[in-house]
Amino acid sequence: MSEPKRRSTVVLVHGAWADGSSWNDIIGPLLSKGLNVLAAPIPLISLSDDVAALDRALERTNGPVVLAAHAYAGAVTAASANKQVQSLVFIAP
């Protein structure tokens, strides 16, 4: 018997001068498509602190991850070495 396919988790990472609420209009449609969704908060202190915060958020997920980043968060997501990450999406301002 084969193992059931795990649903992907879309992890949304906000840019500078924003927070996770900036993804409010995106979360509902993704959930309606059957995806797991997490808006990962980053503290916007330094790149290394922001990557560490993202990695902590990724530790709370199971299965494959799609990272979606807005603006500055592109640097944060690109620096993550989490093995669950299957793809990156960069959203330019």
N, C-alpha and C. Protein backbone atom coordinates (compact mmCIF):
# COMPACT_ATOMS: atom_id res chain seq x y z
N MET A 1 0.85 -1.17 0.00
CA MET A 1 0.00 0.00 0.00
C MET A 1 0.90 1.23 0.00
N SER A 2 0.62 2.17 -0.85
CA SER A 2 1.46 3.36 -0.93
C SER A 2 1.04 4.38 0.12
N GLU A 3 2.03 5.19 0.50
CA GLU A 3 1.79 6.24 1.48
C GLU A 3 1.00 7.37 0.82
N PRO A 4 -0.01 7.94 1.50
CA PRO A 4 -0.77 9.03 0.89
C PRO A 4 0.12 10.25 0.66
N LYS A 5 -0.17 10.95 -0.44
CA LYS A 5 0.61 12.13 -0.77
C LYS A 5 0.30 13.24 0.23
N ARG A 6 1.36 13.86 0.75
CA ARG A 6 1.18 14.94 1.71
C ARG A 6 0.82 16.23 0.98
N ARG A 7 -0.08 16.98 1.60
CA ARG A 7 -0.43 18.29 1.05
C ARG A 7 0.72 19.25 1.30
N SER A 8 0.94 20.11 0.34
CA SER A 8 1.96 21.14 0.49
C SER A 8 1.49 22.20 1.48
N THR A 9 2.46 22.82 2.11
CA THR A 9 2.20 23.98 2.94
C THR A 9 2.81 25.18 2.26
N VAL A 10 2.01 26.20 2.06
CA VAL A 10 2.50 27.45 1.51
C VAL A 10 2.84 28.34 2.69
N VAL A 11 4.10 28.73 2.78
CA VAL A 11 4.56 29.61 3.85
C VAL A 11 4.77 30.99 3.24
N LEU A 12 3.99 31.94 3.69
CA LEU A 12 4.02 33.31 3.19
C LEU A 12 4.89 34.16 4.10
N VAL A 13 5.86 34.85 3.50
CA VAL A 13 6.80 35.65 4.29
C VAL A 13 6.68 37.11 3.84
N HIS A 14 6.35 37.97 4.78
CA HIS A 14 6.12 39.38 4.47
C HIS A 14 7.43 40.14 4.25
N GLY A 15 7.31 41.25 3.55
CA GLY A 15 8.45 42.12 3.32
C GLY A 15 8.65 43.10 4.47
N ALA A 16 9.59 44.00 4.28
CA ALA A 16 9.86 45.03 5.28
C ALA A 16 8.65 45.96 5.40
N TRP A 17 8.51 46.59 6.54
CA TRP A 17 7.42 47.52 6.82
C TRP A 17 6.05 46.86 6.70
N ALA A 18 5.98 45.57 7.00
CA ALA A 18 4.71 44.84 6.93
C ALA A 18 4.71 43.77 8.02
N ASP A 19 3.62 43.05 8.09
CA ASP A 19 3.54 41.88 8.97
C ASP A 19 2.68 40.83 8.28
N GLY A 20 2.43 39.73 8.97
CA GLY A 20 1.70 38.62 8.37
C GLY A 20 0.31 38.97 7.89
N SER A 21 -0.28 40.02 8.45
CA SER A 21 -1.63 40.40 8.02
C SER A 21 -1.66 40.89 6.58
N SER A 22 -0.50 41.21 6.02
CA SER A 22 -0.47 41.66 4.63
C SER A 22 -0.88 40.55 3.66
N TRP A 23 -0.94 39.32 4.15
CA TRP A 23 -1.33 38.17 3.33
C TRP A 23 -2.80 37.80 3.49
N ASN A 24 -3.58 38.56 4.25
CA ASN A 24 -4.97 38.20 4.54
C ASN A 24 -5.79 37.88 3.30
N ASP A 25 -5.64 38.64 2.23
CA ASP A 25 -6.44 38.41 1.02
C ASP A 25 -5.98 37.19 0.23
N ILE A 26 -4.83 36.66 0.55
CA ILE A 26 -4.25 35.52 -0.17
C ILE A 26 -4.54 34.20 0.54
N ILE A 27 -4.61 34.24 1.85
CA ILE A 27 -4.74 33.02 2.65
C ILE A 27 -6.02 32.24 2.33
N GLY A 28 -7.17 32.92 2.28
CA GLY A 28 -8.44 32.25 2.01
C GLY A 28 -8.45 31.47 0.70
N PRO A 29 -8.08 32.10 -0.41
CA PRO A 29 -8.07 31.35 -1.67
C PRO A 29 -7.13 30.14 -1.66
N LEU A 30 -5.99 30.26 -0.98
CA LEU A 30 -5.08 29.11 -0.91
C LEU A 30 -5.69 27.98 -0.09
N LEU A 31 -6.32 28.33 1.02
CA LEU A 31 -6.99 27.32 1.84
C LEU A 31 -8.11 26.64 1.05
N SER A 32 -8.83 27.40 0.25
CA SER A 32 -9.93 26.82 -0.53
C SER A 32 -9.43 25.84 -1.59
N LYS A 33 -8.17 25.92 -1.94
CA LYS A 33 -7.56 24.99 -2.90
C LYS A 33 -7.01 23.75 -2.20
N GLY A 34 -7.21 23.66 -0.88
CA GLY A 34 -6.77 22.49 -0.14
C GLY A 34 -5.33 22.54 0.34
N LEU A 35 -4.73 23.70 0.28
CA LEU A 35 -3.35 23.84 0.75
C LEU A 35 -3.32 24.22 2.22
N ASN A 36 -2.28 23.80 2.90
CA ASN A 36 -2.01 24.32 4.24
C ASN A 36 -1.33 25.67 4.04
N VAL A 37 -1.60 26.62 4.91
CA VAL A 37 -1.03 27.96 4.77
C VAL A 37 -0.54 28.45 6.12
N LEU A 38 0.64 29.08 6.09
CA LEU A 38 1.21 29.69 7.29
C LEU A 38 1.79 31.03 6.89
N ALA A 39 1.39 32.09 7.56
CA ALA A 39 2.02 33.39 7.38
C ALA A 39 3.10 33.49 8.45
N ALA A 40 4.35 33.35 8.02
CA ALA A 40 5.47 33.29 8.95
C ALA A 40 5.90 34.70 9.35
N PRO A 41 5.88 34.99 10.64
CA PRO A 41 6.33 36.31 11.07
C PRO A 41 7.85 36.37 11.12
N ILE A 42 8.40 37.45 10.62
CA ILE A 42 9.84 37.68 10.79
C ILE A 42 9.99 39.02 11.53
N PRO A 43 10.99 39.12 12.42
CA PRO A 43 11.08 40.29 13.28
C PRO A 43 11.63 41.55 12.63
N LEU A 44 12.23 41.43 11.44
CA LEU A 44 12.80 42.58 10.74
C LEU A 44 13.87 43.27 11.58
N ILE A 45 14.72 42.45 12.21
CA ILE A 45 15.81 42.98 13.02
C ILE A 45 17.12 42.96 12.22
N SER A 46 17.42 41.80 11.67
CA SER A 46 18.60 41.61 10.82
C SER A 46 18.32 40.41 9.93
N LEU A 47 19.08 40.28 8.87
CA LEU A 47 18.87 39.14 7.97
C LEU A 47 19.02 37.83 8.72
N SER A 48 20.06 37.70 9.54
CA SER A 48 20.27 36.43 10.25
C SER A 48 19.14 36.15 11.25
N ASP A 49 18.65 37.16 11.95
CA ASP A 49 17.53 36.96 12.87
C ASP A 49 16.25 36.59 12.12
N ASP A 50 16.06 37.21 10.96
CA ASP A 50 14.86 36.92 10.17
C ASP A 50 14.90 35.50 9.60
N VAL A 51 16.08 35.05 9.15
CA VAL A 51 16.21 33.67 8.65
C VAL A 51 15.96 32.69 9.80
N ALA A 52 16.49 32.98 10.97
CA ALA A 52 16.28 32.10 12.12
C ALA A 52 14.79 32.02 12.48
N ALA A 53 14.09 33.14 12.42
CA ALA A 53 12.65 33.15 12.71
C ALA A 53 11.89 32.34 11.67
N LEU A 54 12.26 32.48 10.40
CA LEU A 54 11.62 31.69 9.35
C LEU A 54 11.88 30.20 9.57
N ASP A 55 13.11 29.85 9.88
CA ASP A 55 13.43 28.44 10.12
C ASP A 55 12.64 27.87 11.29
N ARG A 56 12.42 28.66 12.32
CA ARG A 56 11.58 28.20 13.44
C ARG A 56 10.15 27.95 12.97
N ALA A 57 9.63 28.82 12.13
CA ALA A 57 8.27 28.63 11.60
C ALA A 57 8.22 27.38 10.74
N LEU A 58 9.24 27.15 9.93
CA LEU A 58 9.26 25.97 9.06
C LEU A 58 9.32 24.67 9.86
N GLU A 59 9.91 24.70 11.04
CA GLU A 59 9.96 23.52 11.90
C GLU A 59 8.57 23.08 12.33
N ARG A 60 7.59 23.98 12.27
CA ARG A 60 6.22 23.66 12.68
C ARG A 60 5.40 23.07 11.54
N THR A 61 6.00 22.87 10.37
CA THR A 61 5.27 22.34 9.22
C THR A 61 5.62 20.88 9.00
N ASN A 62 4.75 20.20 8.28
CA ASN A 62 4.99 18.81 7.87
C ASN A 62 4.85 18.73 6.37
N GLY A 63 5.70 17.94 5.74
CA GLY A 63 5.59 17.75 4.31
C GLY A 63 6.26 18.84 3.51
N PRO A 64 6.01 18.83 2.20
CA PRO A 64 6.67 19.80 1.31
C PRO A 64 6.19 21.22 1.56
N VAL A 65 7.11 22.16 1.35
CA VAL A 65 6.83 23.58 1.59
C VAL A 65 7.10 24.38 0.33
N VAL A 66 6.20 25.30 0.05
CA VAL A 66 6.39 26.32 -0.97
C VAL A 66 6.56 27.63 -0.21
N LEU A 67 7.71 28.28 -0.37
CA LEU A 67 7.95 29.56 0.28
C LEU A 67 7.58 30.68 -0.69
N ALA A 68 6.73 31.58 -0.25
CA ALA A 68 6.35 32.75 -1.04
C ALA A 68 6.82 33.99 -0.30
N ALA A 69 7.63 34.80 -0.98
CA ALA A 69 8.25 35.94 -0.32
C ALA A 69 7.93 37.23 -1.05
N HIS A 70 7.67 38.27 -0.26
CA HIS A 70 7.44 39.59 -0.83
C HIS A 70 8.67 40.46 -0.56
N ALA A 71 9.20 41.06 -1.61
CA ALA A 71 10.27 42.06 -1.54
C ALA A 71 11.45 41.56 -0.68
N TYR A 72 11.77 42.26 0.41
CA TYR A 72 12.91 41.91 1.25
C TYR A 72 12.91 40.45 1.68
N ALA A 73 11.75 39.89 1.88
CA ALA A 73 11.67 38.49 2.34
C ALA A 73 12.27 37.53 1.33
N GLY A 74 12.48 37.97 0.09
CA GLY A 74 13.16 37.13 -0.89
C GLY A 74 14.55 36.76 -0.42
N ALA A 75 15.25 37.69 0.20
CA ALA A 75 16.58 37.40 0.74
C ALA A 75 16.48 36.42 1.91
N VAL A 76 15.45 36.58 2.71
CA VAL A 76 15.25 35.70 3.88
C VAL A 76 14.97 34.27 3.41
N THR A 77 14.04 34.12 2.48
CA THR A 77 13.68 32.77 2.03
C THR A 77 14.83 32.11 1.28
N ALA A 78 15.58 32.88 0.51
CA ALA A 78 16.70 32.31 -0.23
C ALA A 78 17.80 31.82 0.70
N ALA A 79 17.88 32.38 1.89
CA ALA A 79 18.92 31.99 2.84
C ALA A 79 18.53 30.78 3.68
N SER A 80 17.29 30.38 3.65
CA SER A 80 16.87 29.22 4.44
C SER A 80 17.38 27.94 3.78
N ALA A 81 17.86 27.04 4.61
CA ALA A 81 18.37 25.76 4.11
C ALA A 81 17.46 24.60 4.52
N ASN A 82 16.23 24.89 4.89
CA ASN A 82 15.30 23.86 5.32
C ASN A 82 15.04 22.87 4.18
N LYS A 83 15.18 21.59 4.47
CA LYS A 83 15.07 20.55 3.44
C LYS A 83 13.64 20.29 2.98
N GLN A 84 12.65 20.79 3.70
CA GLN A 84 11.25 20.62 3.28
C GLN A 84 10.88 21.56 2.13
N VAL A 85 11.65 22.61 1.95
CA VAL A 85 11.33 23.62 0.92
C VAL A 85 11.51 23.00 -0.45
N GLN A 86 10.41 22.97 -1.21
CA GLN A 86 10.42 22.39 -2.55
C GLN A 86 10.48 23.46 -3.64
N SER A 87 10.00 24.66 -3.32
CA SER A 87 10.03 25.73 -4.32
C SER A 87 9.94 27.08 -3.64
N LEU A 88 10.40 28.08 -4.40
CA LEU A 88 10.37 29.46 -3.94
C LEU A 88 9.54 30.28 -4.92
N VAL A 89 8.77 31.21 -4.38
CA VAL A 89 8.00 32.15 -5.19
C VAL A 89 8.39 33.54 -4.70
N PHE A 90 8.83 34.38 -5.63
CA PHE A 90 9.21 35.75 -5.28
C PHE A 90 8.18 36.71 -5.86
N ILE A 91 7.64 37.56 -5.00
CA ILE A 91 6.64 38.53 -5.40
C ILE A 91 7.27 39.92 -5.30
N ALA A 92 7.43 40.55 -6.44
CA ALA A 92 8.07 41.88 -6.46
C ALA A 92 7.05 42.95 -6.12
N PRO A 93 7.50 44.01 -5.47
CA PRO A 93 6.58 45.10 -5.13
C PRO A 93 6.11 45.83 -6.37
